[in-house]
Amino acid sequence: MEGSIRLTAEERKCLLRVYRSGAKQSRRAHIVLLLADGLSVREVRRVTYASFDLIAGCVGQVRTRGAAAVAEPDGPAAALPAWLARVARWLTTKTPGDFGYFRTRWSCETLAEVLAWEVGVSKSAETVRRGLHRLKFVWRRPRPVVGPVDPDYAEKLRDIRWLLAHLPPDEAAVFQDEVDIHLNPKIGSCWMRRGQQAEVVTPGNNEKRHVAGSLHWRTGTLLASPPGRQRNAQLFLAHLDDLRHRLRCYRRIHVICDNARFHDCRAVRDYLERWGDRIVLHFLPKYAPETNPIERVWWHLHETITRNHRFQTMDQLLDEVYEWIETEQAFAVETSLYSLAA
């Protein structure tokens, strides 16, 4: 019989377990069990109301990968059309520009046109969209990543790991960075009724302040200094002064920061000539913001306070920012990157 298959006792036991569990894969397990009992494809279709494509997919999966494939979370997929496999390859390896389009990203309409011109297969944009969903493709914003790589990345991380692992009790280490606070709110996703778009009222004339902060390595305390109007050496030096006073119980403070130009300018070097016995700067790898744990704190700050906010003045917004910082103490410090085993 064309659709018949044979199961071992163990395979049958596994499929019965899946079928009786009521899981999403139970329908497919039912189909395979009926086929193994000698029913024809048409009889199975009449009993289960399944499509011929689904039954054929089950049969093909069992014959190529075994009955255990039916129990996989996604279940066996029907044979992938050749045109859909080609579309998936275009999405991951090419751009519309490679086919002469003045576009930087793919749309379903563009994929359907290229499919017709290059392969001679006529599919609507909606068919392409359904096919992409079948392959687990989704339409969402990509994550920007920095292209260049610091050639000294591994060496710098190794030095910082050693510093943190051998930090004396009378010395402190902090991860430092600045965050921008805009009066015009950052726009973020929120719940709204289908067919209606929520509105976020903005003041119109944007104002901006910069807050310098340091995340204490041992305690997770965020030490934020008063805001400044410019992100420059003066803001950085004022923060270093703040650290000296607030961490005066420590003999030395190791400040681990990024490679912003004003972190290593003449004014900073002059400052360190005077206070080098208390403040020591260490620089993170270039182009690697993910190596600074305080970046995750700033992300939570924006998610909680600055996205879609409705404050009309900068003073109101800053009051909320600093109140959040005080309320949320202490912050979790991601340590996996800086363990000696990393």
Protein backbone atom coordinates (compact mmCIF):
# COMPACT_ATOMS: atom_id res chain seq x y z
CA MET A 1 0.00 0.00 0.00
CA GLU A 2 1.42 3.39 -1.04
CA GLY A 3 1.01 5.18 2.28
CA SER A 4 1.62 2.26 4.62
CA ILE A 5 4.53 2.29 7.03
CA ARG A 6 5.89 -0.08 9.63
CA LEU A 7 6.68 0.75 13.25
CA THR A 8 8.72 -1.05 15.83
CA ALA A 9 7.16 -1.75 19.21
CA GLU A 10 9.17 1.09 20.75
CA GLU A 11 8.17 3.56 18.03
CA ARG A 12 4.52 2.64 18.40
CA LYS A 13 4.76 3.12 22.18
CA CYS A 14 6.34 6.55 21.69
CA LEU A 15 3.66 7.66 19.22
CA LEU A 16 0.85 6.42 21.45
CA ARG A 17 2.32 8.47 24.28
CA VAL A 18 2.36 11.58 22.07
CA TYR A 19 -1.16 10.93 20.78
CA ARG A 20 -2.63 10.47 24.26
CA SER A 21 -0.85 13.55 25.62
CA GLY A 22 -3.08 15.85 23.59
CA ALA A 23 -0.03 17.87 22.52
CA LYS A 24 0.14 19.78 19.27
CA GLN A 25 1.87 16.81 17.63
CA SER A 26 -0.87 14.35 18.65
CA ARG A 27 -2.70 14.73 15.31
CA ARG A 28 0.40 13.76 13.39
CA ALA A 29 1.04 10.82 15.71
CA HIS A 30 -2.57 9.71 15.11
CA ILE A 31 -2.03 9.78 11.34
CA VAL A 32 1.13 7.67 11.58
CA LEU A 33 -0.52 5.16 13.92
CA LEU A 34 -3.48 4.72 11.55
CA LEU A 35 -1.17 4.20 8.59
CA ALA A 36 0.83 1.66 10.56
CA ASP A 37 -2.43 -0.21 11.32
CA GLY A 38 -2.95 -0.69 7.58
CA LEU A 39 -5.38 2.10 6.70
CA SER A 40 -4.97 3.68 3.29
CA VAL A 41 -4.23 7.37 2.82
CA ARG A 42 -7.84 8.02 1.79
CA GLU A 43 -9.16 6.15 4.83
CA VAL A 44 -6.86 8.13 7.11
CA ARG A 45 -8.03 11.37 5.49
CA ARG A 46 -11.67 10.32 6.00
CA VAL A 47 -11.06 9.50 9.68
CA THR A 48 -8.85 12.48 10.65
CA TYR A 49 -10.04 15.11 8.12
CA ALA A 50 -6.35 15.82 7.45
CA SER A 51 -5.15 17.08 4.09
CA PHE A 52 -3.27 14.83 1.69
CA ASP A 53 -0.26 17.18 2.04
CA LEU A 54 -0.17 16.68 5.81
CA ILE A 55 -0.45 12.90 5.48
CA ALA A 56 2.25 12.81 2.80
CA GLY A 57 4.50 14.96 5.02
CA CYS A 58 4.06 12.53 7.91
CA VAL A 59 4.87 9.56 5.72
CA GLY A 60 7.94 11.22 4.24
CA GLN A 61 9.22 12.31 7.63
CA VAL A 62 8.88 8.84 9.15
CA ARG A 63 10.59 7.20 6.18
CA THR A 64 13.53 9.63 6.18
CA ARG A 65 14.00 10.42 9.87
CA GLY A 66 12.06 7.81 11.77
CA ALA A 67 8.87 7.88 13.84
CA ALA A 68 10.54 9.93 16.58
CA ALA A 69 10.47 12.95 14.25
CA VAL A 70 6.69 13.12 14.71
CA ALA A 71 7.19 13.88 18.40
CA GLU A 72 9.39 16.91 17.72
CA PRO A 73 7.89 20.24 18.88
CA ASP A 74 7.34 21.60 15.39
CA GLY A 75 6.27 18.23 13.99
CA PRO A 76 7.26 17.02 10.53
CA ALA A 77 6.88 19.60 7.84
CA ALA A 78 5.49 18.94 4.43
CA ALA A 79 7.99 18.88 1.62
CA LEU A 80 9.41 22.35 1.13
CA PRO A 81 8.68 23.80 -2.32
CA ALA A 82 11.78 24.56 -4.33
CA TRP A 83 10.70 28.17 -4.89
CA LEU A 84 10.34 28.74 -1.14
CA ALA A 85 13.79 27.35 -0.43
CA ARG A 86 15.18 29.74 -3.04
CA VAL A 87 13.35 32.70 -1.49
CA ALA A 88 14.80 31.81 1.90
CA ARG A 89 18.28 31.71 0.37
CA TRP A 90 17.79 35.16 -1.19
CA LEU A 91 16.66 36.59 2.13
CA THR A 92 19.76 35.38 3.94
CA THR A 93 22.44 35.89 1.29
CA LYS A 94 21.35 38.63 -1.14
CA THR A 95 19.71 42.05 -1.31
CA PRO A 96 17.25 43.49 -3.84
CA GLY A 97 20.15 45.51 -5.23
CA ASP A 98 21.73 42.28 -6.46
CA PHE A 99 18.76 41.93 -8.84
CA GLY A 100 18.79 45.56 -10.05
CA TYR A 101 16.27 47.05 -7.59
CA PHE A 102 16.80 50.41 -5.90
CA ARG A 103 15.89 48.93 -2.52
CA THR A 104 17.89 48.10 0.58
CA ARG A 105 15.54 45.46 2.06
CA TRP A 106 13.21 42.78 0.82
CA SER A 107 9.43 43.04 0.70
CA CYS A 108 7.01 40.24 -0.19
CA GLU A 109 6.10 42.08 -3.40
CA THR A 110 9.76 42.35 -4.43
CA LEU A 111 10.39 38.69 -3.66
CA ALA A 112 7.37 37.69 -5.75
CA GLU A 113 8.62 39.78 -8.71
CA VAL A 114 12.14 38.37 -8.53
CA LEU A 115 10.70 34.88 -8.25
CA ALA A 116 8.73 35.41 -11.46
CA TRP A 117 11.66 36.94 -13.37
CA GLU A 118 14.44 34.63 -12.17
CA VAL A 119 12.65 31.29 -11.76
CA GLY A 120 9.49 31.67 -13.83
CA VAL A 121 7.31 30.84 -10.80
CA SER A 122 4.30 33.12 -10.37
CA LYS A 123 3.31 33.58 -6.73
CA SER A 124 1.40 36.40 -5.09
CA ALA A 125 2.96 38.54 -2.34
CA GLU A 126 0.51 36.98 0.12
CA THR A 127 1.64 33.46 -0.84
CA VAL A 128 5.24 34.51 -0.30
CA ARG A 129 4.33 35.97 3.09
CA ARG A 130 2.62 32.75 4.21
CA GLY A 131 5.63 30.75 3.01
CA LEU A 132 8.02 32.92 5.02
CA HIS A 133 5.88 32.45 8.13
CA ARG A 134 6.02 28.73 7.52
CA LEU A 135 9.81 28.96 7.59
CA LYS A 136 9.62 30.93 10.87
CA PHE A 137 10.64 34.23 9.28
CA VAL A 138 9.22 37.31 11.04
CA TRP A 139 9.14 41.02 10.17
CA ARG A 140 10.94 42.88 12.95
CA ARG A 141 13.64 45.45 13.49
CA PRO A 142 17.22 44.16 13.22
CA ARG A 143 19.73 44.74 16.00
CA PRO A 144 22.52 47.15 15.05
CA VAL A 145 26.03 45.88 15.73
CA VAL A 146 29.34 47.64 15.42
CA GLY A 147 31.36 46.49 12.43
CA PRO A 148 34.99 47.19 13.48
CA VAL A 149 36.69 44.95 16.04
CA ASP A 150 39.38 46.04 18.50
CA PRO A 151 42.53 44.00 17.72
CA ASP A 152 43.35 44.12 21.45
CA TYR A 153 39.87 42.94 22.50
CA ALA A 154 40.99 39.69 24.17
CA GLU A 155 43.98 41.27 25.89
CA LYS A 156 41.96 44.15 27.36
CA LEU A 157 39.25 41.82 28.64
CA ARG A 158 41.90 39.55 30.17
CA ASP A 159 43.48 42.47 32.03
CA ILE A 160 40.12 43.62 33.42
CA ARG A 161 39.21 40.07 34.49
CA TRP A 162 42.50 39.79 36.35
CA LEU A 163 41.94 43.17 38.02
CA LEU A 164 38.46 42.22 39.24
CA ALA A 165 39.55 38.76 40.40
CA HIS A 166 42.45 40.15 42.46
CA LEU A 167 40.87 43.39 43.67
CA PRO A 168 41.99 44.12 47.28
CA PRO A 169 39.27 44.78 49.87
CA ASP A 170 40.37 48.40 50.29
CA GLU A 171 40.03 49.15 46.55
CA ALA A 172 36.86 49.58 44.46
CA ALA A 173 36.13 48.97 40.78
CA VAL A 174 33.34 50.73 38.90
CA PHE A 175 32.07 50.58 35.32
CA GLN A 176 31.51 54.14 34.09
CA ASP A 177 29.46 55.62 31.25
CA GLU A 178 27.24 58.57 30.36
CA VAL A 179 23.58 58.47 29.35
CA ASP A 180 21.62 61.04 27.32
CA ILE A 181 18.26 62.20 28.67
CA HIS A 182 16.00 63.83 26.06
CA LEU A 183 12.88 65.82 26.86
CA ASN A 184 11.33 64.56 23.63
CA PRO A 185 10.41 60.98 24.62
CA LYS A 186 11.88 57.90 23.02
CA ILE A 187 9.03 56.10 21.25
CA GLY A 188 8.47 52.50 22.31
CA SER A 189 5.84 49.81 21.77
CA CYS A 190 2.75 49.87 24.00
CA TRP A 191 -0.70 48.30 24.13
CA MET A 192 -3.38 49.90 21.98
CA ARG A 193 -6.67 48.90 20.38
CA ARG A 194 -6.49 47.21 17.00
CA GLY A 195 -7.04 49.72 14.23
CA GLN A 196 -6.13 52.66 16.45
CA GLN A 197 -2.70 54.16 16.99
CA ALA A 198 -1.85 55.56 20.40
CA GLU A 199 -0.29 59.02 20.51
CA VAL A 200 2.59 60.32 22.59
CA VAL A 201 2.54 64.10 22.99
CA THR A 202 6.02 65.63 22.75
CA PRO A 203 7.06 69.08 24.00
CA GLY A 204 8.28 69.92 20.50
CA ASN A 205 11.46 71.82 21.38
CA ASN A 206 13.82 69.14 22.59
CA GLU A 207 16.17 69.61 25.52
CA LYS A 208 18.99 67.28 26.40
CA ARG A 209 20.99 66.53 29.54
CA HIS A 210 23.83 64.10 30.14
CA VAL A 211 24.17 62.02 33.29
CA ALA A 212 27.51 60.43 34.18
CA GLY A 213 27.23 57.30 36.29
CA SER A 214 29.30 54.41 37.61
CA LEU A 215 28.17 50.91 38.54
CA HIS A 216 29.95 49.52 41.60
CA TRP A 217 31.33 46.10 40.72
CA ARG A 218 30.89 44.51 44.15
CA THR A 219 27.61 46.00 45.36
CA GLY A 220 25.70 46.91 42.19
CA THR A 221 25.21 50.45 43.47
CA LEU A 222 24.75 53.03 40.74
CA LEU A 223 26.57 56.28 41.52
CA ALA A 224 25.03 59.00 39.35
CA SER A 225 26.37 62.56 39.37
CA PRO A 226 24.36 65.76 38.72
CA PRO A 227 23.45 66.24 35.03
CA GLY A 228 25.39 68.39 32.62
CA ARG A 229 24.45 70.19 29.43
CA GLN A 230 27.38 68.77 27.46
CA ARG A 231 28.98 65.34 27.30
CA ASN A 232 32.60 66.39 27.64
CA ALA A 233 35.70 66.25 29.84
CA GLN A 234 34.20 68.63 32.40
CA LEU A 235 31.27 66.25 32.95
CA PHE A 236 33.68 63.31 33.28
CA LEU A 237 36.00 65.11 35.71
CA ALA A 238 33.08 66.26 37.85
CA HIS A 239 32.00 62.62 38.07
CA LEU A 240 35.50 61.52 39.08
CA ASP A 241 35.43 64.11 41.87
CA ASP A 242 32.04 62.75 42.91
CA LEU A 243 33.46 59.23 43.03
CA ARG A 244 36.39 60.33 45.19
CA HIS A 245 34.01 61.78 47.77
CA ARG A 246 31.34 59.07 47.71
CA LEU A 247 33.88 56.23 47.78
CA ARG A 248 36.28 57.86 50.21
CA CYS A 249 36.37 54.69 52.33
CA TYR A 250 38.42 53.04 49.54
CA ARG A 251 42.15 53.65 49.13
CA ARG A 252 41.95 53.45 45.34
CA ILE A 253 39.14 53.53 42.78
CA HIS A 254 39.51 51.71 39.46
CA VAL A 255 37.29 53.38 36.84
CA ILE A 256 36.60 51.12 33.85
CA CYS A 257 35.26 53.21 30.96
CA ASP A 258 34.88 53.28 27.20
CA ASN A 259 37.17 54.95 24.70
CA ALA A 260 35.35 58.27 24.31
CA ARG A 261 37.85 60.93 23.28
CA PHE A 262 37.24 63.12 26.35
CA HIS A 263 38.05 60.19 28.67
CA ASP A 264 41.70 60.43 27.64
CA CYS A 265 42.30 64.11 26.89
CA ARG A 266 44.85 66.57 28.33
CA ALA A 267 42.46 67.78 31.05
CA VAL A 268 41.94 64.20 32.26
CA ARG A 269 45.65 63.42 32.19
CA ASP A 270 46.36 66.59 34.23
CA TYR A 271 43.69 65.51 36.71
CA LEU A 272 45.26 62.06 37.06
CA GLU A 273 48.68 63.57 37.71
CA ARG A 274 47.14 65.11 40.83
CA TRP A 275 44.80 62.29 41.88
CA GLY A 276 46.47 59.25 40.32
CA ASP A 277 46.99 57.71 43.75
CA ARG A 278 43.19 57.50 44.17
CA ILE A 279 41.81 57.22 40.64
CA VAL A 280 43.06 54.71 38.04
CA LEU A 281 41.48 54.54 34.59
CA HIS A 282 41.08 51.29 32.63
CA PHE A 283 39.73 51.27 29.09
CA LEU A 284 37.31 48.71 27.67
CA PRO A 285 37.82 47.25 24.18
CA LYS A 286 36.88 49.61 21.38
CA TYR A 287 33.60 49.08 19.51
CA ALA A 288 32.33 46.76 22.28
CA PRO A 289 29.55 48.43 24.31
CA GLU A 290 28.30 44.99 25.36
CA THR A 291 31.37 44.65 27.61
CA ASN A 292 30.15 47.47 29.89
CA PRO A 293 27.54 46.23 32.43
CA ILE A 294 26.23 49.75 33.03
CA GLU A 295 24.84 49.78 29.48
CA ARG A 296 22.14 47.35 30.64
CA VAL A 297 21.24 49.71 33.48
CA TRP A 298 20.81 52.58 31.02
CA TRP A 299 18.65 50.32 28.83
CA HIS A 300 16.35 49.62 31.77
CA LEU A 301 16.27 53.35 32.54
CA HIS A 302 15.02 54.14 29.05
CA GLU A 303 12.54 51.25 29.08
CA THR A 304 11.11 52.32 32.45
CA ILE A 305 11.26 56.12 32.39
CA THR A 306 12.05 57.83 29.11
CA ARG A 307 10.03 55.82 26.57
CA ASN A 308 6.64 57.42 25.87
CA HIS A 309 7.00 59.70 28.91
CA ARG A 310 4.65 62.66 29.31
CA PHE A 311 6.78 65.11 31.28
CA GLN A 312 6.61 68.67 30.00
CA THR A 313 9.80 70.01 31.60
CA MET A 314 13.32 68.69 31.91
CA ASP A 315 13.28 69.20 35.68
CA GLN A 316 10.28 66.87 36.04
CA LEU A 317 11.94 64.24 33.87
CA LEU A 318 15.26 64.42 35.73
CA ASP A 319 13.49 64.17 39.10
CA GLU A 320 11.88 60.95 37.88
CA VAL A 321 15.21 59.63 36.57
CA TYR A 322 17.07 60.18 39.83
CA GLU A 323 14.17 58.86 41.92
CA TRP A 324 14.21 55.69 39.80
CA ILE A 325 17.96 55.33 40.35
CA GLU A 326 17.54 55.60 44.12
CA THR A 327 14.53 53.27 44.21
CA GLU A 328 16.05 50.54 42.04
CA GLN A 329 19.30 50.14 44.01
CA ALA A 330 21.09 47.77 43.90
CA PHE A 331 21.34 46.76 40.28
CA ALA A 332 22.28 43.30 39.10
CA VAL A 333 25.82 43.21 37.76
CA GLU A 334 26.44 40.80 34.87
CA THR A 335 29.55 38.88 35.93
CA SER A 336 29.79 36.06 33.38
CA LEU A 337 31.87 38.10 30.92
CA TYR A 338 34.44 38.93 33.58
CA SER A 339 34.90 35.58 35.26
CA LEU A 340 38.38 34.17 34.86
CA ALA A 341 36.87 31.10 33.24
CA ALA A 342 35.35 33.18 30.42
